[in-house]
Protein backbone atom coordinates (compact mmCIF):
# COMPACT_ATOMS: atom_id res chain seq x y z
CA UNK A 1 54.75 -1.35 -186.27
CA UNK A 2 55.05 1.57 -183.95
CA UNK A 3 58.15 2.75 -185.38
CA UNK A 4 56.34 2.64 -188.80
CA UNK A 5 53.69 4.96 -187.49
CA UNK A 6 56.05 7.43 -185.97
CA UNK A 7 58.09 7.62 -189.42
CA UNK A 8 54.85 8.21 -191.27
CA UNK A 9 53.85 11.09 -188.78
CA UNK A 10 57.27 12.36 -188.67
CA UNK A 11 57.89 12.56 -192.55
CA UNK A 12 54.45 13.95 -192.99
CA UNK A 13 54.87 16.59 -190.40
CA UNK A 14 58.47 17.55 -191.48
CA UNK A 15 57.11 17.80 -195.23
CA UNK A 16 54.07 20.10 -194.37
CA UNK A 17 56.12 22.43 -192.07
CA UNK A 18 58.86 22.82 -194.73
CA UNK A 19 56.19 23.47 -197.53
CA UNK A 20 54.03 25.96 -195.36
CA UNK A 21 56.37 28.95 -195.85
CA UNK A 22 56.61 28.18 -199.49
CA UNK A 23 52.61 28.24 -199.55
CA UNK A 24 52.40 31.35 -197.60
CA UNK A 25 54.64 32.96 -200.14
CA UNK A 26 52.80 31.72 -203.22
CA UNK A 27 49.52 32.60 -201.72
CA UNK A 28 50.88 36.24 -200.82
CA UNK A 29 52.22 36.52 -204.52
CA UNK A 30 48.85 35.29 -205.93
CA UNK A 31 47.10 37.82 -203.55
CA UNK A 32 45.02 35.14 -201.98
CA UNK A 33 44.82 36.77 -198.55
CA UNK A 34 42.16 37.71 -196.12
CA UNK A 35 42.58 41.44 -195.76
CA UNK A 36 40.07 42.63 -192.92
CA UNK A 37 40.64 46.28 -194.17
CA UNK A 38 39.13 45.57 -197.47
CA UNK A 39 36.33 42.89 -196.87
CA UNK A 40 34.18 43.05 -193.84
CA UNK A 41 33.04 39.59 -193.14
CA UNK A 42 32.16 38.05 -189.65
CA UNK A 43 34.42 35.21 -190.56
CA UNK A 44 37.28 37.51 -190.69
CA UNK A 45 38.51 37.98 -186.92
CA UNK A 46 42.24 38.92 -187.59
CA UNK A 47 43.66 42.61 -187.76
CA UNK A 48 46.19 42.14 -190.61
CA UNK A 49 46.14 40.49 -193.97
CA UNK A 50 46.48 36.71 -193.61
CA UNK A 51 47.19 34.38 -196.54
CA UNK A 52 44.56 31.81 -197.36
CA UNK A 53 45.30 28.27 -198.96
CA UNK A 54 46.88 26.39 -195.97
CA UNK A 55 45.16 23.27 -197.28
CA UNK A 56 47.52 22.95 -200.18
CA UNK A 57 50.58 22.60 -197.87
CA UNK A 58 48.74 19.77 -195.82
CA UNK A 59 47.58 18.18 -199.03
CA UNK A 60 51.05 18.23 -200.53
CA UNK A 61 52.62 16.72 -197.35
CA UNK A 62 50.22 13.93 -197.14
CA UNK A 63 50.69 13.22 -200.79
CA UNK A 64 54.53 13.29 -200.61
CA UNK A 65 54.66 11.34 -197.58
CA UNK A 66 52.22 8.55 -199.10
CA UNK A 67 54.00 8.43 -202.42
CA UNK A 68 57.48 7.79 -200.55
CA UNK A 69 56.00 5.36 -197.98
CA UNK A 70 53.08 3.44 -199.17
CA UNK A 71 52.99 0.88 -202.01
CA UNK A 72 51.34 2.34 -205.13
CA UNK A 73 47.51 0.71 -205.41
CA UNK A 74 44.59 1.63 -207.20
CA UNK A 75 42.78 2.51 -203.75
CA UNK A 76 45.44 4.75 -202.95
CA UNK A 77 45.34 6.62 -206.34
CA UNK A 78 41.44 6.77 -205.88
CA UNK A 79 41.96 8.45 -202.54
CA UNK A 80 44.34 11.12 -204.02
CA UNK A 81 42.07 11.67 -206.86
CA UNK A 82 39.26 12.60 -204.70
CA UNK A 83 41.59 14.44 -202.24
CA UNK A 84 42.87 16.57 -205.10
CA UNK A 85 39.35 17.37 -206.39
CA UNK A 86 38.54 18.66 -202.72
CA UNK A 87 41.82 20.60 -202.43
CA UNK A 88 41.30 22.22 -205.68
CA UNK A 89 37.74 23.35 -204.96
CA UNK A 90 39.21 24.52 -201.23
CA UNK A 91 41.67 26.48 -203.04
CA UNK A 92 39.32 27.87 -205.51
CA UNK A 93 37.01 29.09 -202.77
CA UNK A 94 40.03 30.70 -201.05
CA UNK A 95 40.93 32.57 -204.25
CA UNK A 96 37.29 33.66 -204.66
CA UNK A 97 37.25 34.74 -200.83
CA UNK A 98 40.15 36.85 -201.24
CA UNK A 99 38.59 38.71 -204.12
CA UNK A 100 35.66 39.36 -201.74
CA UNK A 101 33.42 36.68 -203.23
CA UNK A 102 32.09 33.45 -201.86
CA UNK A 103 31.77 29.82 -203.59
CA UNK A 104 28.34 28.56 -202.92
CA UNK A 105 28.50 26.16 -199.63
CA UNK A 106 26.15 23.85 -201.25
CA UNK A 107 29.10 23.46 -204.11
CA UNK A 108 31.49 22.84 -201.52
CA UNK A 109 29.26 20.31 -199.60
CA UNK A 110 28.47 18.41 -202.69
CA UNK A 111 31.89 18.28 -203.78
CA UNK A 112 32.85 16.90 -200.54
CA UNK A 113 30.26 14.19 -200.55
CA UNK A 114 31.30 13.35 -204.03
CA UNK A 115 34.91 12.92 -202.88
CA UNK A 116 33.88 10.92 -200.06
CA UNK A 117 31.85 8.69 -202.19
């Protein structure tokens, strides 16, 4: 049983680690970056442009690992439908933030509650 958990962890970690550079490149190409020189916001504490959208790599790593190692079930598909919604709202928020706009925190919060339900 412990080996199975280690396999899940290792495959999820490696998949996410391999996808992260691809997602970084994609976010830079789509101009989804925090640029402290163009947007003054107290949440931006770095000195150079940093790509956003890291949740995409985490989501894809979990999705790929689950599809490869878990048997398909209605519960699993429900979990990933909800996770997909949360990920897309987060990615949309990242895209808005890169343009100097903000998605309402109430919309993000209500979406997360909906996904959890």
